[in-house]
C-alpha atoms as a PDB file:
ATOM      1  CA  MET A   1    -210.091   7.730  24.283  1.00  0.00           C
ATOM      2  CA  GLN A   2    -210.648   4.916  26.795  1.00  0.00           C
ATOM      3  CA  VAL A   3    -208.970   4.451  30.269  1.00  0.00           C
ATOM      4  CA  ILE A   4    -206.616   1.601  29.880  1.00  0.00           C
ATOM      5  CA  ASN A   5    -205.027   1.322  33.431  1.00  0.00           C
ATOM      6  CA  GLY A   6    -208.568   0.656  35.046  1.00  0.00           C
ATOM      7  CA  ASP A   7    -208.867  -1.112  38.485  1.00  0.00           C
ATOM      8  CA  ASP A   8    -209.642  -4.896  38.398  1.00  0.00           C
ATOM      9  CA  GLU A   9    -210.669  -5.990  41.654  1.00  0.00           C
ATOM     10  CA  ASP A  10    -208.411  -3.397  43.525  1.00  0.00           C
ATOM     11  CA  LYS A  11    -205.333  -4.433  41.400  1.00  0.00           C
ATOM     12  CA  ASN A  12    -203.851  -2.415  38.742  1.00  0.00           C
ATOM     13  CA  ILE A  13    -203.811  -4.069  35.341  1.00  0.00           C
ATOM     14  CA  ILE A  14    -200.707  -2.108  34.403  1.00  0.00           C
ATOM     15  CA  THR A  15    -198.354  -0.463  36.735  1.00  0.00           C
ATOM     16  CA  SER A  16    -197.134   2.626  34.545  1.00  0.00           C
ATOM     17  CA  ARG A  17    -197.769   4.337  31.440  1.00  0.00           C
ATOM     18  CA  TYR A  18    -194.404   3.373  30.268  1.00  0.00           C
ATOM     19  CA  SER A  19    -195.160  -0.239  30.487  1.00  0.00           C
ATOM     20  CA  LEU A  20    -198.224   0.242  28.509  1.00  0.00           C
ATOM     21  CA  VAL A  21    -196.407   2.138  25.636  1.00  0.00           C
ATOM     22  CA  ILE A  22    -193.591  -0.549  25.607  1.00  0.00           C
ATOM     23  CA  ALA A  23    -195.960  -3.650  25.568  1.00  0.00           C
ATOM     24  CA  SER A  24    -198.293  -1.989  23.177  1.00  0.00           C
ATOM     25  CA  ALA A  25    -195.416  -1.138  20.721  1.00  0.00           C
ATOM     26  CA  LYS A  26    -194.159  -4.797  20.858  1.00  0.00           C
ATOM     27  CA  ARG A  27    -197.424  -6.423  20.495  1.00  0.00           C
ATOM     28  CA  ALA A  28    -198.191  -4.246  17.441  1.00  0.00           C
ATOM     29  CA  ARG A  29    -194.814  -5.286  15.886  1.00  0.00           C
ATOM     30  CA  GLN A  30    -195.750  -8.878  16.430  1.00  0.00           C
ATOM     31  CA  LEU A  31    -199.073  -8.225  14.687  1.00  0.00           C
ATOM     32  CA  ILE A  32    -197.477  -6.493  11.941  1.00  0.00           C
ATOM     33  CA  GLY A  33    -194.963  -9.461  11.638  1.00  0.00           C
ATOM     34  CA  GLY A  34    -197.789 -11.844  10.994  1.00  0.00           C
ATOM     35  CA  ASP A  35    -199.041 -12.842  14.423  1.00  0.00           C
ATOM     36  CA  MET A  36    -202.618 -13.545  14.569  1.00  0.00           C
ATOM     37  CA  PRO A  37    -204.636 -11.064  16.445  1.00  0.00           C
ATOM     38  CA  LEU A  38    -206.650 -12.051  19.508  1.00  0.00           C
ATOM     39  CA  THR A  39    -209.662  -9.719  19.014  1.00  0.00           C
ATOM     40  CA  GLU A  40    -212.657  -9.926  16.864  1.00  0.00           C
ATOM     41  CA  ASP A  41    -212.607  -6.658  15.118  1.00  0.00           C
ATOM     42  CA  ALA A  42    -208.684  -6.492  14.398  1.00  0.00           C
ATOM     43  CA  ASP A  43    -209.374  -6.246  10.871  1.00  0.00           C
ATOM     44  CA  GLU A  44    -211.039  -2.863  11.125  1.00  0.00           C
ATOM     45  CA  GLN A  45    -208.178  -1.564  13.243  1.00  0.00           C
ATOM     46  CA  LYS A  46    -204.621  -0.541  13.153  1.00  0.00           C
ATOM     47  CA  PRO A  47    -201.984  -2.769  14.662  1.00  0.00           C
ATOM     48  CA  LEU A  48    -201.373  -0.693  17.412  1.00  0.00           C
ATOM     49  CA  SER A  49    -205.086  -0.164  18.345  1.00  0.00           C
ATOM     50  CA  THR A  50    -205.616  -3.882  18.129  1.00  0.00           C
ATOM     51  CA  ALA A  51    -202.447  -4.373  20.585  1.00  0.00           C
ATOM     52  CA  VAL A  52    -204.068  -1.731  23.025  1.00  0.00           C
ATOM     53  CA  GLU A  53    -207.353  -3.685  22.945  1.00  0.00           C
ATOM     54  CA  GLU A  54    -205.639  -6.950  23.550  1.00  0.00           C
ATOM     55  CA  ILE A  55    -203.860  -5.491  26.461  1.00  0.00           C
ATOM     56  CA  ARG A  56    -207.051  -3.846  27.925  1.00  0.00           C
ATOM     57  CA  SER A  57    -208.961  -6.999  27.674  1.00  0.00           C
ATOM     58  CA  ASN A  58    -206.286  -9.366  29.400  1.00  0.00           C
ATOM     59  CA  LYS A  59    -205.838 -11.027  26.061  1.00  0.00           C
ATOM     60  CA  VAL A  60    -202.040 -10.394  26.378  1.00  0.00           C
ATOM     61  CA  LYS A  61    -200.051 -10.969  29.553  1.00  0.00           C
ATOM     62  CA  ILE A  62    -197.427  -8.157  30.284  1.00  0.00           C
ATOM     63  CA  LEU A  63    -194.288 -10.000  31.962  1.00  0.00           C
ATOM     64  CA  GLN A  64    -192.082  -7.769  34.121  1.00  0.00           C
ATOM     65  CA  ASP A  65    -188.122  -8.447  33.697  1.00  0.00           C
ATOM     66  CA  GLY A  66    -187.277 -11.829  34.946  1.00  0.00           C
ATOM     67  CA  GLU A  67    -190.822 -13.176  35.003  1.00  0.00           C
ATOM     68  CA  ASP A  68    -191.090 -16.625  32.976  1.00  0.00           C
ATOM     69  CA  GLU A  69    -194.277 -17.292  30.832  1.00  0.00           C
ATOM     70  CA  GLU A  70    -196.473 -19.795  32.120  1.00  0.00           C
END
């Protein structure tokens, strides 16, 4: 299993495991609902694996409560 919460220039990508689990589940539901995957090999993976890969590669931004989309 790959490390997801790696350091990116001395800044954590994800602040907690809970945030990762919730964000991955929400993104997987979006993919199941018909949203287009943002990774190239998404056809070969399950929606949850695709969601985790999108988060790991910074293709999906996780917003904290109260943050607005840019």
